[in-house]
Amino acid sequence: MKKIQEARNLSGITVEEVAREDGIAESAAKAFGKNLKTTQLRKFFDQAKSIEAGLKEDGWESVSADFAMLRPILAYAKGRRLIPDDFYLFISSCMAKVLAPDNDMEMTKKNYIRFIQILESVVAYHKYHYGE
């Protein structure tokens, strides 16, 4: 998570840093452990993926409100203790790096795509280590 917090933008983190063995995604998946249920991880991932589809079709402006709504969805799951604190903090850190400075829509789009790649990798490693 430190690498994400230190990055200016998510797109500044390489796919290799995310996906490699013991990289960002695998380390995160191990940290969440069995405290993160697959259904909760998939639920959040599916919502994020549907935003990605809209982003690719219509651009950031069309999905920015949906992206903003991910935060209260995440907060609700944390408040109900459906997700561990580590997952909440990890996703919050990633989300904070999606919106590019100076309202740069192209950079924001690249950041969101990297956000999805991070989530995909976390889902994969979580399934690998804790699959049900």
N, C-alpha and C. Protein backbone atom coordinates (compact mmCIF):
# COMPACT_ATOMS: atom_id res chain seq x y z
N MET A 1 0.83 -1.19 0.00
CA MET A 1 0.00 0.00 0.00
C MET A 1 0.88 1.26 0.00
N LYS A 2 2.06 1.13 0.51
CA LYS A 2 2.96 2.29 0.56
C LYS A 2 3.25 2.82 -0.84
N LYS A 3 3.46 1.92 -1.78
CA LYS A 3 3.75 2.32 -3.16
C LYS A 3 2.58 3.13 -3.74
N ILE A 4 1.36 2.73 -3.44
CA ILE A 4 0.18 3.44 -3.93
C ILE A 4 0.09 4.81 -3.28
N GLN A 5 0.32 4.88 -1.98
CA GLN A 5 0.24 6.15 -1.27
C GLN A 5 1.30 7.13 -1.76
N GLU A 6 2.46 6.63 -2.14
CA GLU A 6 3.54 7.50 -2.58
C GLU A 6 3.39 7.96 -4.03
N ALA A 7 2.62 7.22 -4.80
CA ALA A 7 2.45 7.55 -6.23
C ALA A 7 1.62 8.82 -6.40
N ARG A 8 1.97 9.59 -7.40
CA ARG A 8 1.18 10.79 -7.72
C ARG A 8 -0.11 10.39 -8.42
N ASN A 9 0.01 9.43 -9.33
CA ASN A 9 -1.12 8.89 -10.08
C ASN A 9 -0.99 7.38 -10.11
N LEU A 10 -2.10 6.67 -10.21
CA LEU A 10 -2.04 5.21 -10.31
C LEU A 10 -1.35 4.77 -11.59
N SER A 11 -1.50 5.54 -12.66
CA SER A 11 -0.87 5.16 -13.93
C SER A 11 0.65 5.22 -13.85
N GLY A 12 1.18 5.85 -12.81
CA GLY A 12 2.61 5.87 -12.60
C GLY A 12 3.15 4.58 -12.00
N ILE A 13 2.26 3.71 -11.58
CA ILE A 13 2.63 2.39 -11.08
C ILE A 13 2.55 1.43 -12.26
N THR A 14 3.59 0.67 -12.48
CA THR A 14 3.60 -0.23 -13.65
C THR A 14 2.75 -1.47 -13.38
N VAL A 15 2.30 -2.08 -14.47
CA VAL A 15 1.55 -3.33 -14.37
C VAL A 15 2.42 -4.40 -13.71
N GLU A 16 3.70 -4.38 -14.01
CA GLU A 16 4.63 -5.35 -13.42
C GLU A 16 4.67 -5.21 -11.90
N GLU A 17 4.68 -3.98 -11.40
CA GLU A 17 4.69 -3.77 -9.95
C GLU A 17 3.40 -4.30 -9.32
N VAL A 18 2.32 -4.23 -10.05
CA VAL A 18 1.03 -4.68 -9.55
C VAL A 18 0.94 -6.19 -9.59
N ALA A 19 1.25 -6.78 -10.75
CA ALA A 19 0.91 -8.17 -11.01
C ALA A 19 1.97 -9.20 -10.64
N ARG A 20 3.20 -8.79 -10.47
CA ARG A 20 4.26 -9.78 -10.22
C ARG A 20 4.03 -10.51 -8.89
N GLU A 21 4.69 -11.64 -8.77
CA GLU A 21 4.63 -12.41 -7.53
C GLU A 21 5.15 -11.53 -6.39
N ASP A 22 4.40 -11.49 -5.31
CA ASP A 22 4.70 -10.64 -4.15
C ASP A 22 4.69 -9.15 -4.50
N GLY A 23 4.01 -8.80 -5.56
CA GLY A 23 3.84 -7.40 -5.93
C GLY A 23 2.71 -6.77 -5.13
N ILE A 24 2.25 -5.63 -5.58
CA ILE A 24 1.23 -4.88 -4.86
C ILE A 24 -0.04 -5.70 -4.65
N ALA A 25 -0.52 -6.34 -5.72
CA ALA A 25 -1.79 -7.05 -5.64
C ALA A 25 -1.71 -8.30 -4.75
N GLU A 26 -0.67 -9.08 -4.92
CA GLU A 26 -0.56 -10.30 -4.11
C GLU A 26 -0.35 -9.95 -2.64
N SER A 27 0.45 -8.95 -2.37
CA SER A 27 0.67 -8.52 -0.98
C SER A 27 -0.65 -8.05 -0.36
N ALA A 28 -1.43 -7.31 -1.13
CA ALA A 28 -2.72 -6.83 -0.63
C ALA A 28 -3.66 -8.00 -0.37
N ALA A 29 -3.74 -8.93 -1.33
CA ALA A 29 -4.63 -10.08 -1.17
C ALA A 29 -4.27 -10.88 0.08
N LYS A 30 -2.98 -11.07 0.30
CA LYS A 30 -2.54 -11.79 1.50
C LYS A 30 -2.89 -11.02 2.77
N ALA A 31 -2.76 -9.70 2.73
CA ALA A 31 -3.09 -8.88 3.90
C ALA A 31 -4.58 -8.97 4.24
N PHE A 32 -5.43 -9.02 3.20
CA PHE A 32 -6.87 -9.11 3.46
C PHE A 32 -7.23 -10.50 3.99
N GLY A 33 -6.54 -11.49 3.51
CA GLY A 33 -6.74 -12.86 3.97
C GLY A 33 -8.19 -13.31 3.91
N LYS A 34 -8.51 -14.20 4.80
CA LYS A 34 -9.87 -14.75 4.86
C LYS A 34 -10.86 -13.76 5.47
N ASN A 35 -10.35 -12.63 5.97
CA ASN A 35 -11.26 -11.62 6.51
C ASN A 35 -12.08 -10.94 5.43
N LEU A 36 -11.61 -11.04 4.19
CA LEU A 36 -12.35 -10.47 3.06
C LEU A 36 -13.03 -11.62 2.32
N LYS A 37 -14.32 -11.63 2.36
CA LYS A 37 -15.10 -12.67 1.68
C LYS A 37 -15.07 -12.42 0.18
N THR A 38 -15.00 -13.50 -0.56
CA THR A 38 -14.97 -13.41 -2.01
C THR A 38 -16.18 -12.66 -2.55
N THR A 39 -17.34 -12.85 -1.96
CA THR A 39 -18.55 -12.18 -2.45
C THR A 39 -18.43 -10.67 -2.32
N GLN A 40 -17.85 -10.18 -1.24
CA GLN A 40 -17.69 -8.73 -1.07
C GLN A 40 -16.66 -8.18 -2.06
N LEU A 41 -15.58 -8.91 -2.25
CA LEU A 41 -14.56 -8.49 -3.21
C LEU A 41 -15.15 -8.44 -4.61
N ARG A 42 -15.87 -9.48 -5.00
CA ARG A 42 -16.47 -9.55 -6.34
C ARG A 42 -17.54 -8.47 -6.52
N LYS A 43 -18.30 -8.22 -5.47
CA LYS A 43 -19.36 -7.20 -5.56
C LYS A 43 -18.75 -5.83 -5.89
N PHE A 44 -17.71 -5.47 -5.18
CA PHE A 44 -17.06 -4.19 -5.44
C PHE A 44 -16.40 -4.19 -6.82
N PHE A 45 -15.72 -5.28 -7.14
CA PHE A 45 -15.05 -5.40 -8.43
C PHE A 45 -16.04 -5.28 -9.59
N ASP A 46 -17.17 -5.94 -9.49
CA ASP A 46 -18.18 -5.89 -10.55
C ASP A 46 -18.70 -4.47 -10.77
N GLN A 47 -18.90 -3.73 -9.69
CA GLN A 47 -19.35 -2.34 -9.82
C GLN A 47 -18.28 -1.49 -10.51
N ALA A 48 -17.04 -1.71 -10.12
CA ALA A 48 -15.93 -0.96 -10.73
C ALA A 48 -15.79 -1.31 -12.21
N LYS A 49 -15.97 -2.58 -12.56
CA LYS A 49 -15.88 -3.00 -13.96
C LYS A 49 -17.00 -2.39 -14.81
N SER A 50 -18.18 -2.26 -14.24
CA SER A 50 -19.27 -1.65 -15.02
C SER A 50 -18.97 -0.18 -15.30
N ILE A 51 -18.31 0.48 -14.38
CA ILE A 51 -17.88 1.87 -14.60
C ILE A 51 -16.85 1.91 -15.73
N GLU A 52 -15.95 0.94 -15.73
CA GLU A 52 -14.93 0.88 -16.78
C GLU A 52 -15.57 0.77 -18.17
N ALA A 53 -16.61 -0.04 -18.27
CA ALA A 53 -17.29 -0.19 -19.56
C ALA A 53 -17.86 1.15 -20.04
N GLY A 54 -18.48 1.90 -19.12
CA GLY A 54 -19.00 3.22 -19.46
C GLY A 54 -17.89 4.20 -19.81
N LEU A 55 -16.78 4.09 -19.12
CA LEU A 55 -15.63 4.96 -19.37
C LEU A 55 -15.11 4.76 -20.79
N LYS A 56 -14.98 3.51 -21.18
CA LYS A 56 -14.45 3.21 -22.52
C LYS A 56 -15.41 3.66 -23.61
N GLU A 57 -16.70 3.57 -23.33
CA GLU A 57 -17.71 3.95 -24.32
C GLU A 57 -17.95 5.45 -24.40
N ASP A 58 -18.10 6.09 -23.23
CA ASP A 58 -18.59 7.47 -23.21
C ASP A 58 -17.65 8.49 -22.58
N GLY A 59 -16.53 8.05 -22.01
CA GLY A 59 -15.60 8.99 -21.40
C GLY A 59 -15.85 9.21 -19.91
N TRP A 60 -14.90 9.89 -19.28
CA TRP A 60 -14.92 10.07 -17.83
C TRP A 60 -16.14 10.85 -17.34
N GLU A 61 -16.52 11.87 -18.08
CA GLU A 61 -17.65 12.71 -17.65
C GLU A 61 -18.91 11.89 -17.41
N SER A 62 -19.10 10.84 -18.20
CA SER A 62 -20.32 10.03 -18.10
C SER A 62 -20.30 9.09 -16.90
N VAL A 63 -19.12 8.83 -16.34
CA VAL A 63 -19.04 7.86 -15.23
C VAL A 63 -18.53 8.48 -13.92
N SER A 64 -18.22 9.76 -13.93
CA SER A 64 -17.64 10.37 -12.72
C SER A 64 -18.56 10.26 -11.51
N ALA A 65 -19.86 10.40 -11.71
CA ALA A 65 -20.80 10.27 -10.58
C ALA A 65 -20.83 8.83 -10.06
N ASP A 66 -20.78 7.86 -10.97
CA ASP A 66 -20.75 6.45 -10.55
C ASP A 66 -19.48 6.15 -9.77
N PHE A 67 -18.36 6.73 -10.22
CA PHE A 67 -17.11 6.55 -9.48
C PHE A 67 -17.23 7.14 -8.08
N ALA A 68 -17.80 8.33 -7.98
CA ALA A 68 -17.97 8.97 -6.67
C ALA A 68 -18.83 8.12 -5.75
N MET A 69 -19.79 7.39 -6.30
CA MET A 69 -20.68 6.55 -5.49
C MET A 69 -20.00 5.29 -4.96
N LEU A 70 -18.83 4.95 -5.51
CA LEU A 70 -18.11 3.79 -4.98
C LEU A 70 -17.70 4.01 -3.52
N ARG A 71 -17.38 5.25 -3.19
CA ARG A 71 -16.94 5.54 -1.82
C ARG A 71 -18.03 5.25 -0.79
N PRO A 72 -19.27 5.74 -0.94
CA PRO A 72 -20.29 5.39 0.05
C PRO A 72 -20.63 3.90 0.06
N ILE A 73 -20.52 3.25 -1.08
CA ILE A 73 -20.74 1.79 -1.12
C ILE A 73 -19.68 1.09 -0.28
N LEU A 74 -18.46 1.54 -0.43
CA LEU A 74 -17.35 0.99 0.35
C LEU A 74 -17.53 1.29 1.84
N ALA A 75 -17.92 2.52 2.16
CA ALA A 75 -18.14 2.91 3.56
C ALA A 75 -19.27 2.10 4.20
N TYR A 76 -20.31 1.85 3.44
CA TYR A 76 -21.44 1.04 3.95
C TYR A 76 -20.97 -0.37 4.30
N ALA A 77 -20.19 -0.97 3.40
CA ALA A 77 -19.68 -2.32 3.66
C ALA A 77 -18.77 -2.34 4.89
N LYS A 78 -17.96 -1.29 5.04
CA LYS A 78 -17.09 -1.22 6.22
C LYS A 78 -17.91 -1.02 7.50
N GLY A 79 -18.91 -0.14 7.41
CA GLY A 79 -19.76 0.11 8.57
C GLY A 79 -20.51 -1.13 9.03
N ARG A 80 -20.87 -1.99 8.11
CA ARG A 80 -21.56 -3.23 8.43
C ARG A 80 -20.58 -4.36 8.75
N ARG A 81 -19.29 -4.05 8.71
CA ARG A 81 -18.21 -5.00 8.98
C ARG A 81 -18.21 -6.18 8.00
N LEU A 82 -18.55 -5.85 6.76
CA LEU A 82 -18.55 -6.86 5.70
C LEU A 82 -17.18 -6.95 5.03
N ILE A 83 -16.38 -5.89 5.20
CA ILE A 83 -15.03 -5.86 4.64
C ILE A 83 -14.06 -5.48 5.76
N PRO A 84 -12.82 -5.98 5.68
CA PRO A 84 -11.83 -5.61 6.70
C PRO A 84 -11.33 -4.18 6.50
N ASP A 85 -10.82 -3.61 7.57
CA ASP A 85 -10.28 -2.25 7.52
C ASP A 85 -9.18 -2.12 6.46
N ASP A 86 -8.34 -3.15 6.33
CA ASP A 86 -7.25 -3.10 5.35
C ASP A 86 -7.78 -2.92 3.93
N PHE A 87 -8.86 -3.62 3.61
CA PHE A 87 -9.44 -3.49 2.27
C PHE A 87 -9.99 -2.09 2.06
N TYR A 88 -10.68 -1.57 3.06
CA TYR A 88 -11.23 -0.21 2.98
C TYR A 88 -10.11 0.80 2.74
N LEU A 89 -9.04 0.70 3.49
CA LEU A 89 -7.92 1.64 3.36
C LEU A 89 -7.21 1.49 2.01
N PHE A 90 -7.05 0.25 1.57
CA PHE A 90 -6.39 0.00 0.28
C PHE A 90 -7.19 0.62 -0.86
N ILE A 91 -8.47 0.33 -0.90
CA ILE A 91 -9.32 0.85 -1.98
C ILE A 91 -9.43 2.37 -1.89
N SER A 92 -9.54 2.90 -0.69
CA SER A 92 -9.60 4.35 -0.52
C SER A 92 -8.33 5.01 -1.04
N SER A 93 -7.18 4.41 -0.76
CA SER A 93 -5.90 4.95 -1.26
C SER A 93 -5.86 4.92 -2.78
N CYS A 94 -6.31 3.82 -3.36
CA CYS A 94 -6.34 3.72 -4.82
C CYS A 94 -7.28 4.77 -5.42
N MET A 95 -8.47 4.89 -4.84
CA MET A 95 -9.45 5.83 -5.37
C MET A 95 -8.96 7.27 -5.30
N ALA A 96 -8.20 7.57 -4.26
CA ALA A 96 -7.67 8.93 -4.10
C ALA A 96 -6.67 9.27 -5.20
N LYS A 97 -6.12 8.27 -5.86
CA LYS A 97 -5.12 8.49 -6.92
C LYS A 97 -5.72 8.43 -8.32
N VAL A 98 -7.03 8.25 -8.43
CA VAL A 98 -7.66 8.16 -9.75
C VAL A 98 -7.83 9.53 -10.38
N LEU A 99 -8.40 10.47 -9.66
CA LEU A 99 -8.66 11.80 -10.22
C LEU A 99 -7.34 12.55 -10.39
N ALA A 100 -7.04 12.88 -11.62
CA ALA A 100 -5.78 13.54 -11.94
C ALA A 100 -5.84 15.02 -11.57
N PRO A 101 -4.69 15.59 -11.19
CA PRO A 101 -4.64 17.02 -10.93
C PRO A 101 -4.96 17.82 -12.19
N ASP A 102 -5.38 19.02 -12.01
CA ASP A 102 -5.67 19.94 -13.12
C ASP A 102 -6.78 19.44 -14.03
N ASN A 103 -7.64 18.57 -13.49
CA ASN A 103 -8.80 18.09 -14.24
C ASN A 103 -8.41 17.46 -15.58
N ASP A 104 -7.29 16.77 -15.61
CA ASP A 104 -6.78 16.11 -16.81
C ASP A 104 -7.57 14.81 -17.03
N MET A 105 -8.55 14.85 -17.93
CA MET A 105 -9.45 13.72 -18.15
C MET A 105 -8.73 12.51 -18.74
N GLU A 106 -7.75 12.74 -19.58
CA GLU A 106 -7.01 11.61 -20.18
C GLU A 106 -6.21 10.88 -19.11
N MET A 107 -5.56 11.63 -18.21
CA MET A 107 -4.80 11.02 -17.13
C MET A 107 -5.75 10.31 -16.16
N THR A 108 -6.90 10.90 -15.88
CA THR A 108 -7.88 10.27 -15.01
C THR A 108 -8.34 8.94 -15.59
N LYS A 109 -8.55 8.91 -16.89
CA LYS A 109 -8.95 7.66 -17.56
C LYS A 109 -7.85 6.60 -17.41
N LYS A 110 -6.60 6.99 -17.63
CA LYS A 110 -5.47 6.05 -17.47
C LYS A 110 -5.38 5.56 -16.03
N ASN A 111 -5.59 6.46 -15.09
CA ASN A 111 -5.55 6.08 -13.67
C ASN A 111 -6.65 5.08 -13.35
N TYR A 112 -7.85 5.31 -13.89
CA TYR A 112 -8.96 4.40 -13.61
C TYR A 112 -8.69 3.02 -14.21
N ILE A 113 -8.12 3.00 -15.39
CA ILE A 113 -7.79 1.70 -15.99
C ILE A 113 -6.76 0.96 -15.14
N ARG A 114 -5.80 1.68 -14.59
CA ARG A 114 -4.82 1.03 -13.70
C ARG A 114 -5.51 0.57 -12.41
N PHE A 115 -6.47 1.34 -11.91
CA PHE A 115 -7.26 0.95 -10.74
C PHE A 115 -7.94 -0.40 -11.01
N ILE A 116 -8.51 -0.56 -12.19
CA ILE A 116 -9.16 -1.81 -12.56
C ILE A 116 -8.13 -2.94 -12.63
N GLN A 117 -6.98 -2.67 -13.19
CA GLN A 117 -5.93 -3.70 -13.27
C GLN A 117 -5.48 -4.13 -11.87
N ILE A 118 -5.39 -3.18 -10.97
CA ILE A 118 -5.04 -3.51 -9.58
C ILE A 118 -6.13 -4.40 -8.98
N LEU A 119 -7.38 -4.00 -9.14
CA LEU A 119 -8.49 -4.80 -8.60
C LEU A 119 -8.52 -6.20 -9.21
N GLU A 120 -8.36 -6.29 -10.52
CA GLU A 120 -8.35 -7.60 -11.18
C GLU A 120 -7.26 -8.50 -10.60
N SER A 121 -6.11 -7.93 -10.37
CA SER A 121 -4.99 -8.70 -9.82
C SER A 121 -5.25 -9.11 -8.38
N VAL A 122 -5.84 -8.23 -7.60
CA VAL A 122 -6.19 -8.57 -6.22
C VAL A 122 -7.21 -9.70 -6.21
N VAL A 123 -8.23 -9.62 -7.07
CA VAL A 123 -9.24 -10.68 -7.15
C VAL A 123 -8.57 -12.01 -7.49
N ALA A 124 -7.68 -11.99 -8.47
CA ALA A 124 -7.00 -13.22 -8.89
C ALA A 124 -6.16 -13.81 -7.76
N TYR A 125 -5.34 -12.99 -7.12
CA TYR A 125 -4.49 -13.49 -6.05
C TYR A 125 -5.30 -13.91 -4.82
N HIS A 126 -6.37 -13.20 -4.54
CA HIS A 126 -7.22 -13.59 -3.41
C HIS A 126 -7.84 -14.95 -3.67
N LYS A 127 -8.30 -15.17 -4.89
CA LYS A 127 -8.87 -16.46 -5.26
C LYS A 127 -7.81 -17.56 -5.18
N TYR A 128 -6.61 -17.24 -5.64
CA TYR A 128 -5.50 -18.20 -5.60
C TYR A 128 -5.18 -18.63 -4.17
N HIS A 129 -5.10 -17.67 -3.27
CA HIS A 129 -4.71 -17.99 -1.90
C HIS A 129 -5.86 -18.43 -1.00
N TYR A 130 -7.05 -17.89 -1.25
CA TYR A 130 -8.16 -18.13 -0.32
C TYR A 130 -9.44 -18.58 -1.03
N GLY A 131 -9.31 -19.09 -2.25
CA GLY A 131 -10.47 -19.48 -3.05
C GLY A 131 -11.42 -20.40 -2.29
N GLU A 132 -12.68 -20.20 -2.58
CA GLU A 132 -13.71 -21.00 -1.89
C GLU A 132 -14.31 -21.99 -2.85
